[in-house]
Amino acid sequence: MYKDQYISVIIAAAGMSNRMGSKINKQFISINNKPILVHTLEKFEECSYIDEIILVAKEDEIDYCRKEIVKRYNFNKVSKIIRGGKERQDSVYNGILALNEKTDIVLSHDGARPFVKIENIIDGIKGAYKYGACVVGVPVKDTIKVVGDSNEIVKTPKRDMLWAAQTPQCFKKEIILEGHRKAIEDGYVGTDDSVLVERMGIDVKMAMGSYKNIKITTPEDLIIAESILKDMDTIYNRREFIFQTR
């Protein structure tokens, strides 16, 4: 049902990495001997539903991405590496404009989210196919407070209604394209792609993601990332051992 659709993913990797405090873009920092961006791209390269990857990078890092990421690690689905914009929203829009004309469904994903599960990617695609727009996310574990200008608690929302949005965020192409065009027309800048669709009055479905699908933003996140990779390696080695001893 879904393979009659041409599915593209835009990988946003043009951020400034200010909170990381690193001399290099956080996407190029290595974890387990490979750049974070490589771990991210591998998931979409491996996903059989994905036909095309558009990589969005800082203008002065495009050549580096082409030589040291795409060619070095043989990513065959990366069709274009294009220049990012001032905001993440601008970068994703540039990616939308560069999509293959056959594209039916568009995913946007953070280059610094290397632990997305392929099954979550597929769930997001299925949601976009069925409903038009679908975001991967997880229910929040903490109690959330709405705080005013003087640090007073204004409101405590019901926790069972709160989810933390992740990526990928998945849309039928015409829906997300119209959302971005409306935002440009209104001078609106959102915190993710989903809100651009929400503000047009279109319902966006939420699909269950994974608590391991973290966005690596700060040095502390690198420690968590190494721990996740170590855990994944342990699970993989255990499965290999069981398979070999059968």
Protein backbone atom coordinates (compact mmCIF):
# COMPACT_ATOMS: atom_id res chain seq x y z
CA MET A 1 0.00 0.00 0.00
CA TYR A 2 2.77 2.44 0.90
CA LYS A 3 5.22 1.50 -1.85
CA ASP A 4 3.05 3.16 -4.46
CA GLN A 5 4.12 6.38 -2.71
CA TYR A 6 7.43 8.12 -3.36
CA ILE A 7 8.78 8.96 0.09
CA SER A 8 11.50 11.52 0.81
CA VAL A 9 13.18 12.56 4.03
CA ILE A 10 14.80 15.92 4.73
CA ILE A 11 17.67 15.66 7.22
CA ALA A 12 18.24 19.02 8.92
CA ALA A 13 21.96 19.27 9.71
CA ALA A 14 22.63 22.99 9.36
CA GLY A 15 22.45 24.02 13.02
CA MET A 16 25.02 26.19 14.79
CA SER A 17 25.65 23.78 17.73
CA ASN A 18 26.05 26.69 20.18
CA ARG A 19 24.97 24.66 23.22
CA MET A 20 27.47 21.90 22.48
CA GLY A 21 30.43 24.24 23.01
CA SER A 22 32.38 22.38 20.31
CA LYS A 23 34.63 23.74 17.57
CA ILE A 24 32.90 21.48 15.06
CA ASN A 25 29.26 20.99 14.18
CA LYS A 26 27.68 18.54 16.63
CA GLN A 27 26.57 16.33 13.72
CA PHE A 28 30.23 15.60 12.94
CA ILE A 29 31.22 14.60 16.48
CA SER A 30 32.00 10.88 16.61
CA ILE A 31 30.25 8.40 18.85
CA ASN A 32 31.37 4.79 18.61
CA ASN A 33 33.91 5.83 15.91
CA LYS A 34 31.34 7.30 13.52
CA PRO A 35 29.95 10.84 13.18
CA ILE A 36 26.52 11.37 14.70
CA LEU A 37 25.16 12.31 11.27
CA VAL A 38 26.30 8.98 9.85
CA HIS A 39 24.39 7.07 12.55
CA THR A 40 21.31 9.14 11.65
CA LEU A 41 21.58 8.66 7.89
CA GLU A 42 22.09 4.92 8.27
CA LYS A 43 18.58 4.49 9.66
CA PHE A 44 16.93 6.09 6.64
CA GLU A 45 19.29 4.40 4.19
CA GLU A 46 18.28 1.04 5.70
CA CYS A 47 14.54 1.78 5.76
CA SER A 48 13.04 0.22 2.62
CA TYR A 49 10.18 2.74 2.60
CA ILE A 50 12.53 5.69 2.00
CA ASP A 51 13.24 6.53 -1.66
CA GLU A 52 15.23 9.74 -1.28
CA ILE A 53 17.26 11.62 1.31
CA ILE A 54 17.77 15.39 1.05
CA LEU A 55 20.60 16.49 3.34
CA VAL A 56 20.53 20.14 4.43
CA ALA A 57 23.85 21.53 5.65
CA LYS A 58 25.58 24.82 6.34
CA GLU A 59 26.89 26.28 3.09
CA ASP A 60 30.54 25.99 4.15
CA GLU A 61 30.04 22.35 5.18
CA ILE A 62 28.41 21.04 1.99
CA ASP A 63 31.67 19.81 0.46
CA TYR A 64 32.66 18.15 3.72
CA CYS A 65 29.30 16.38 3.90
CA ARG A 66 29.62 15.20 0.32
CA LYS A 67 33.17 13.81 0.70
CA GLU A 68 33.40 12.73 4.35
CA ILE A 69 29.82 11.66 5.04
CA VAL A 70 27.93 10.69 1.88
CA LYS A 71 30.75 9.31 -0.30
CA ARG A 72 32.87 7.87 2.50
CA TYR A 73 29.98 5.89 3.97
CA ASN A 74 28.28 5.09 0.63
CA PHE A 75 24.86 6.63 1.20
CA ASN A 76 23.15 5.86 -2.10
CA LYS A 77 19.78 7.42 -1.22
CA VAL A 78 21.20 10.93 -0.65
CA SER A 79 20.17 12.66 -3.86
CA LYS A 80 21.09 16.25 -2.91
CA ILE A 81 23.03 18.22 -0.33
CA ILE A 82 21.64 21.73 -0.16
CA ARG A 83 22.26 24.94 1.74
CA GLY A 84 20.44 25.53 5.00
CA GLY A 85 18.69 28.72 6.05
CA LYS A 86 18.81 31.09 8.99
CA GLU A 87 16.35 29.02 11.06
CA ARG A 88 15.63 25.30 11.02
CA GLN A 89 12.27 26.13 9.47
CA ASP A 90 14.05 27.85 6.56
CA SER A 91 16.34 24.84 6.13
CA VAL A 92 13.41 22.41 5.92
CA TYR A 93 11.65 24.67 3.42
CA ASN A 94 14.79 24.70 1.26
CA GLY A 95 14.70 20.92 1.45
CA ILE A 96 11.05 20.83 0.39
CA LEU A 97 11.84 22.94 -2.67
CA ALA A 98 14.59 20.46 -3.62
CA LEU A 99 12.38 17.35 -3.41
CA ASN A 100 11.95 14.98 -6.31
CA GLU A 101 8.88 15.99 -8.27
CA LYS A 102 7.47 12.49 -7.69
CA THR A 103 7.46 12.90 -3.89
CA ASP A 104 4.14 12.08 -2.20
CA ILE A 105 5.16 11.93 1.48
CA VAL A 106 7.82 14.08 3.17
CA LEU A 107 9.60 13.39 6.44
CA SER A 108 11.70 15.93 8.34
CA HIS A 109 14.29 14.66 10.79
CA ASP A 110 17.01 16.17 12.95
CA GLY A 111 20.53 15.24 11.92
CA ALA A 112 21.42 15.00 15.61
CA ARG A 113 18.80 12.30 16.38
CA PRO A 114 20.81 9.16 15.59
CA PHE A 115 18.78 6.64 17.61
CA VAL A 116 15.45 6.74 15.78
CA LYS A 117 14.09 3.24 15.26
CA ILE A 118 13.16 2.09 11.77
CA GLU A 119 9.79 0.89 13.07
CA ASN A 120 9.08 4.44 14.31
CA ILE A 121 9.95 5.82 10.87
CA ILE A 122 7.50 3.38 9.31
CA ASP A 123 4.78 4.23 11.85
CA GLY A 124 5.19 7.92 11.00
CA ILE A 125 4.92 7.20 7.27
CA LYS A 126 1.79 5.13 7.81
CA GLY A 127 0.26 7.94 9.86
CA ALA A 128 0.99 10.52 7.16
CA TYR A 129 -0.44 8.21 4.49
CA LYS A 130 -3.66 7.67 6.45
CA TYR A 131 -4.19 11.07 8.08
CA GLY A 132 -2.04 13.53 6.12
CA ALA A 133 0.21 14.50 9.03
CA CYS A 134 1.85 12.46 11.80
CA VAL A 135 4.54 13.21 14.40
CA VAL A 136 6.63 10.74 16.37
CA GLY A 137 6.79 11.48 20.10
CA VAL A 138 6.60 10.12 23.64
CA PRO A 139 4.42 10.87 26.68
CA VAL A 140 6.23 13.13 29.17
CA LYS A 141 7.34 11.54 32.43
CA ASP A 142 7.65 14.71 34.52
CA THR A 143 4.98 17.06 35.77
CA ILE A 144 5.06 20.16 33.56
CA LYS A 145 4.50 23.68 34.91
CA VAL A 146 3.52 26.76 32.93
CA VAL A 147 5.55 29.60 34.47
CA GLY A 148 4.91 33.35 34.23
CA ASP A 149 7.31 36.27 33.73
CA SER A 150 8.08 36.47 37.45
CA ASN A 151 8.69 32.71 37.76
CA GLU A 152 5.32 32.11 39.35
CA ILE A 153 3.53 28.90 38.40
CA VAL A 154 0.55 29.85 36.26
CA LYS A 155 -0.80 26.42 35.42
CA THR A 156 -0.14 22.69 35.78
CA PRO A 157 -1.41 20.90 32.66
CA LYS A 158 -2.71 17.34 32.94
CA ARG A 159 0.33 15.14 32.39
CA ASP A 160 -1.60 12.41 30.60
CA MET A 161 -2.32 14.88 27.78
CA LEU A 162 1.31 15.96 27.29
CA TRP A 163 3.72 14.43 24.79
CA ALA A 164 7.25 15.43 23.82
CA ALA A 165 7.44 15.81 20.06
CA GLN A 166 10.37 14.18 18.30
CA THR A 167 11.30 13.58 14.69
CA PRO A 168 10.64 12.29 12.13
CA GLN A 169 7.62 14.43 11.45
CA CYS A 170 5.74 13.09 8.44
CA PHE A 171 3.37 14.77 6.01
CA LYS A 172 1.75 14.55 2.63
CA LYS A 173 3.81 16.91 0.51
CA GLU A 174 1.05 19.34 -0.37
CA ILE A 175 0.13 19.77 3.31
CA ILE A 176 3.59 20.62 4.63
CA LEU A 177 4.37 22.78 1.59
CA GLU A 178 1.23 24.85 2.22
CA GLY A 179 2.10 25.07 5.93
CA HIS A 180 5.52 26.53 5.16
CA ARG A 181 4.16 28.94 2.55
CA LYS A 182 1.51 30.20 4.98
CA ALA A 183 4.17 30.69 7.67
CA ILE A 184 6.30 32.73 5.24
CA GLU A 185 3.28 34.82 4.28
CA ASP A 186 2.48 35.49 7.96
CA GLY A 187 6.07 35.97 9.09
CA TYR A 188 5.60 33.10 11.53
CA VAL A 189 8.47 31.00 12.89
CA GLY A 190 7.52 27.77 14.66
CA THR A 191 9.49 25.44 16.88
CA ASP A 192 8.83 22.44 14.63
CA ASP A 193 7.18 21.57 11.32
CA SER A 194 4.05 20.19 12.92
CA VAL A 195 2.94 23.55 14.29
CA LEU A 196 2.93 25.00 10.77
CA VAL A 197 0.29 22.44 9.85
CA GLU A 198 -1.61 22.75 13.13
CA ARG A 199 -2.06 26.50 12.68
CA MET A 200 -3.88 25.84 9.40
CA GLY A 201 -6.51 23.89 11.35
CA ILE A 202 -5.31 20.48 10.15
CA ASP A 203 -5.22 17.64 12.67
CA VAL A 204 -1.81 16.07 13.26
CA LYS A 205 -1.69 12.54 14.68
CA MET A 206 0.91 11.43 17.23
CA ALA A 207 2.70 8.09 16.84
CA MET A 208 4.58 6.45 19.70
CA GLY A 209 8.31 7.01 19.44
CA SER A 210 11.15 5.96 21.74
CA TYR A 211 12.68 7.56 24.81
CA LYS A 212 16.07 6.69 23.30
CA ASN A 213 15.34 8.91 20.29
CA ILE A 214 17.15 11.85 21.89
CA LYS A 215 18.39 14.95 20.13
CA ILE A 216 22.09 15.40 20.91
CA THR A 217 22.43 19.06 21.86
CA THR A 218 24.74 19.41 24.88
CA PRO A 219 27.93 17.67 26.11
CA GLU A 220 25.80 15.77 28.63
CA ASP A 221 23.82 14.29 25.75
CA LEU A 222 27.03 12.76 24.37
CA ILE A 223 27.42 10.76 27.58
CA ILE A 224 23.84 9.52 27.25
CA ALA A 225 24.45 8.72 23.56
CA GLU A 226 27.50 6.59 24.34
CA SER A 227 25.46 4.73 26.96
CA ILE A 228 22.64 4.07 24.48
CA LEU A 229 25.12 2.75 21.90
CA LYS A 230 26.77 0.51 24.47
CA ASP A 231 23.36 -0.86 25.41
CA MET A 232 22.49 -1.45 21.75
CA ASP A 233 25.80 -3.27 21.18
CA THR A 234 25.14 -5.48 24.21
CA ILE A 235 21.69 -6.44 22.91
CA TYR A 236 23.11 -7.11 19.41
CA ASN A 237 25.96 -9.26 20.75
CA ARG A 238 23.54 -11.20 22.95
CA ARG A 239 21.32 -11.94 19.95
CA GLU A 240 24.34 -13.05 17.91
CA PHE A 241 25.46 -15.36 20.71
CA ILE A 242 22.00 -16.93 20.99
CA PHE A 243 21.82 -17.37 17.20
CA GLN A 244 25.27 -18.98 17.00
CA THR A 245 24.58 -21.40 19.86
CA ARG A 246 21.30 -22.72 18.54
